[in-house]
Amino acid sequence: MNEHCHQTVTTPGQAINALESGKFCNLGKVLPIGSLEARKLSTNAVVFYWRLTIDGKTNRVSIGHYNSSAPPKSVKPTTNGFSIAAAKAAASE
């Protein structure tokens, strides 16, 4: 987890729950390239981003909103957003 994530978290879900408004948190690598990040908005909604660096330039691509009620192992988004696994699957595509 990066410097904006709470130091004592052990899972991506805990990192999202501990995230402060306006901050990004790295949730892990995405294959074949990049990483999955989450950002908590001022409305307390959480948005997933795929972060990658190409030619020294960092880019973030919005994936969609986090749905904490989505089945955790589901790799497909629900009508209300993405599980962590679904966001990682979307980023890897």
C-alpha atoms as a PDB file:
ATOM      1  CA  MET A   1       0.000   0.000   0.000  1.00  0.00           C
ATOM      2  CA  ASN A   2       1.296   3.504  -0.692  1.00  0.00           C
ATOM      3  CA  GLU A   3       1.880   6.417   1.683  1.00  0.00           C
ATOM      4  CA  HIS A   4      -1.762   7.525   1.525  1.00  0.00           C
ATOM      5  CA  CYS A   5      -3.005   4.191   2.853  1.00  0.00           C
ATOM      6  CA  HIS A   6      -3.405   3.477   6.523  1.00  0.00           C
ATOM      7  CA  GLN A   7      -0.303   1.715   7.872  1.00  0.00           C
ATOM      8  CA  THR A   8      -2.066  -1.141   9.743  1.00  0.00           C
ATOM      9  CA  VAL A   9      -4.343  -2.474   6.991  1.00  0.00           C
ATOM     10  CA  THR A  10      -3.863  -6.012   5.746  1.00  0.00           C
ATOM     11  CA  THR A  11      -6.407  -6.324   2.923  1.00  0.00           C
ATOM     12  CA  PRO A  12      -7.479  -4.102   0.009  1.00  0.00           C
ATOM     13  CA  GLY A  13     -10.961  -3.846   1.567  1.00  0.00           C
ATOM     14  CA  GLN A  14      -9.483  -2.563   4.822  1.00  0.00           C
ATOM     15  CA  ALA A  15      -7.359  -0.089   2.850  1.00  0.00           C
ATOM     16  CA  ILE A  16     -10.482   1.259   1.126  1.00  0.00           C
ATOM     17  CA  ASN A  17     -12.323   1.552   4.453  1.00  0.00           C
ATOM     18  CA  ALA A  18      -9.385   3.447   6.006  1.00  0.00           C
ATOM     19  CA  LEU A  19      -8.923   5.760   3.014  1.00  0.00           C
ATOM     20  CA  GLU A  20      -9.211   9.503   3.659  1.00  0.00           C
ATOM     21  CA  SER A  21     -11.255  11.764   1.407  1.00  0.00           C
ATOM     22  CA  GLY A  22      -9.272  12.982  -1.615  1.00  0.00           C
ATOM     23  CA  LYS A  23      -6.498  10.388  -1.203  1.00  0.00           C
ATOM     24  CA  PHE A  24      -5.377   7.548  -3.472  1.00  0.00           C
ATOM     25  CA  CYS A  25      -4.429   4.073  -2.290  1.00  0.00           C
ATOM     26  CA  ASN A  26      -2.536   1.429  -4.269  1.00  0.00           C
ATOM     27  CA  LEU A  27      -4.383  -1.899  -4.029  1.00  0.00           C
ATOM     28  CA  GLY A  28      -1.876  -4.061  -5.880  1.00  0.00           C
ATOM     29  CA  LYS A  29      -0.371  -4.930  -9.231  1.00  0.00           C
ATOM     30  CA  VAL A  30      -2.382  -5.514 -12.376  1.00  0.00           C
ATOM     31  CA  LEU A  31      -1.076  -7.936 -14.976  1.00  0.00           C
ATOM     32  CA  PRO A  32       0.375  -7.413 -17.509  1.00  0.00           C
ATOM     33  CA  ILE A  33       1.148  -3.810 -16.470  1.00  0.00           C
ATOM     34  CA  GLY A  34       0.221  -1.192 -13.923  1.00  0.00           C
ATOM     35  CA  SER A  35      -1.605  -1.197 -10.614  1.00  0.00           C
ATOM     36  CA  LEU A  36      -5.097  -0.806  -9.219  1.00  0.00           C
ATOM     37  CA  GLU A  37      -5.765   2.305  -7.154  1.00  0.00           C
ATOM     38  CA  ALA A  38      -8.768   3.559  -5.226  1.00  0.00           C
ATOM     39  CA  ARG A  39      -9.639   7.161  -4.405  1.00  0.00           C
ATOM     40  CA  LYS A  40     -12.217   8.329  -1.900  1.00  0.00           C
ATOM     41  CA  LEU A  41     -14.172  11.343  -3.114  1.00  0.00           C
ATOM     42  CA  SER A  42     -15.542  14.121  -0.892  1.00  0.00           C
ATOM     43  CA  THR A  43     -18.944  12.387  -1.156  1.00  0.00           C
ATOM     44  CA  ASN A  44     -17.331   9.263   0.424  1.00  0.00           C
ATOM     45  CA  ALA A  45     -17.847   7.335  -2.824  1.00  0.00           C
ATOM     46  CA  VAL A  46     -14.775   5.345  -3.872  1.00  0.00           C
ATOM     47  CA  VAL A  47     -13.576   5.203  -7.489  1.00  0.00           C
ATOM     48  CA  PHE A  48     -11.138   2.653  -8.935  1.00  0.00           C
ATOM     49  CA  TYR A  49      -8.323   3.665 -11.299  1.00  0.00           C
ATOM     50  CA  TRP A  50      -5.824   1.716 -13.370  1.00  0.00           C
ATOM     51  CA  ARG A  51      -2.438   3.405 -12.948  1.00  0.00           C
ATOM     52  CA  LEU A  52       0.391   2.860 -15.393  1.00  0.00           C
ATOM     53  CA  THR A  53       3.609   4.563 -16.396  1.00  0.00           C
ATOM     54  CA  ILE A  54       4.604   4.792 -20.056  1.00  0.00           C
ATOM     55  CA  ASP A  55       7.768   6.577 -21.173  1.00  0.00           C
ATOM     56  CA  GLY A  56       8.173   8.054 -17.691  1.00  0.00           C
ATOM     57  CA  LYS A  57       4.680   9.565 -17.650  1.00  0.00           C
ATOM     58  CA  THR A  58       2.122   8.340 -15.119  1.00  0.00           C
ATOM     59  CA  ASN A  59      -1.459   7.919 -16.296  1.00  0.00           C
ATOM     60  CA  ARG A  60      -4.625   7.037 -14.382  1.00  0.00           C
ATOM     61  CA  VAL A  61      -7.611   5.569 -16.193  1.00  0.00           C
ATOM     62  CA  SER A  62     -10.952   5.602 -14.370  1.00  0.00           C
ATOM     63  CA  ILE A  63     -12.546   2.160 -14.071  1.00  0.00           C
ATOM     64  CA  GLY A  64     -15.669   2.912 -12.049  1.00  0.00           C
ATOM     65  CA  HIS A  65     -17.188   3.089  -8.570  1.00  0.00           C
ATOM     66  CA  TYR A  66     -16.538   0.604  -5.776  1.00  0.00           C
ATOM     67  CA  ASN A  67     -19.552  -1.461  -4.725  1.00  0.00           C
ATOM     68  CA  SER A  68     -18.877  -2.831  -1.256  1.00  0.00           C
ATOM     69  CA  SER A  69     -21.973  -5.048  -1.589  1.00  0.00           C
ATOM     70  CA  ALA A  70     -20.764  -6.785  -4.756  1.00  0.00           C
ATOM     71  CA  PRO A  71     -19.794 -10.458  -4.415  1.00  0.00           C
ATOM     72  CA  PRO A  72     -16.075 -10.271  -3.479  1.00  0.00           C
ATOM     73  CA  LYS A  73     -14.883 -12.862  -6.016  1.00  0.00           C
ATOM     74  CA  SER A  74     -17.059 -11.615  -8.866  1.00  0.00           C
ATOM     75  CA  VAL A  75     -15.042 -10.450 -11.873  1.00  0.00           C
ATOM     76  CA  LYS A  76     -18.011  -8.704 -13.500  1.00  0.00           C
ATOM     77  CA  PRO A  77     -19.304  -5.292 -12.375  1.00  0.00           C
ATOM     78  CA  THR A  78     -22.776  -4.982 -10.875  1.00  0.00           C
ATOM     79  CA  THR A  79     -25.227  -2.217 -11.743  1.00  0.00           C
ATOM     80  CA  ASN A  80     -23.902  -0.361  -8.665  1.00  0.00           C
ATOM     81  CA  GLY A  81     -20.186  -0.709  -9.404  1.00  0.00           C
ATOM     82  CA  PHE A  82     -17.201  -2.994  -9.090  1.00  0.00           C
ATOM     83  CA  SER A  83     -15.897  -5.416  -6.507  1.00  0.00           C
ATOM     84  CA  ILE A  84     -12.129  -5.219  -6.019  1.00  0.00           C
ATOM     85  CA  ALA A  85     -11.726  -8.397  -8.129  1.00  0.00           C
ATOM     86  CA  ALA A  86     -13.940  -6.973 -10.907  1.00  0.00           C
ATOM     87  CA  ALA A  87     -11.962  -3.708 -10.941  1.00  0.00           C
ATOM     88  CA  LYS A  88      -8.708  -5.656 -11.196  1.00  0.00           C
ATOM     89  CA  ALA A  89     -10.133  -7.743 -14.050  1.00  0.00           C
ATOM     90  CA  ALA A  90     -11.284  -4.584 -15.873  1.00  0.00           C
ATOM     91  CA  ALA A  91      -7.857  -2.990 -15.444  1.00  0.00           C
ATOM     92  CA  SER A  92      -6.078  -6.058 -16.834  1.00  0.00           C
ATOM     93  CA  GLU A  93      -8.229  -5.948 -19.978  1.00  0.00           C
END
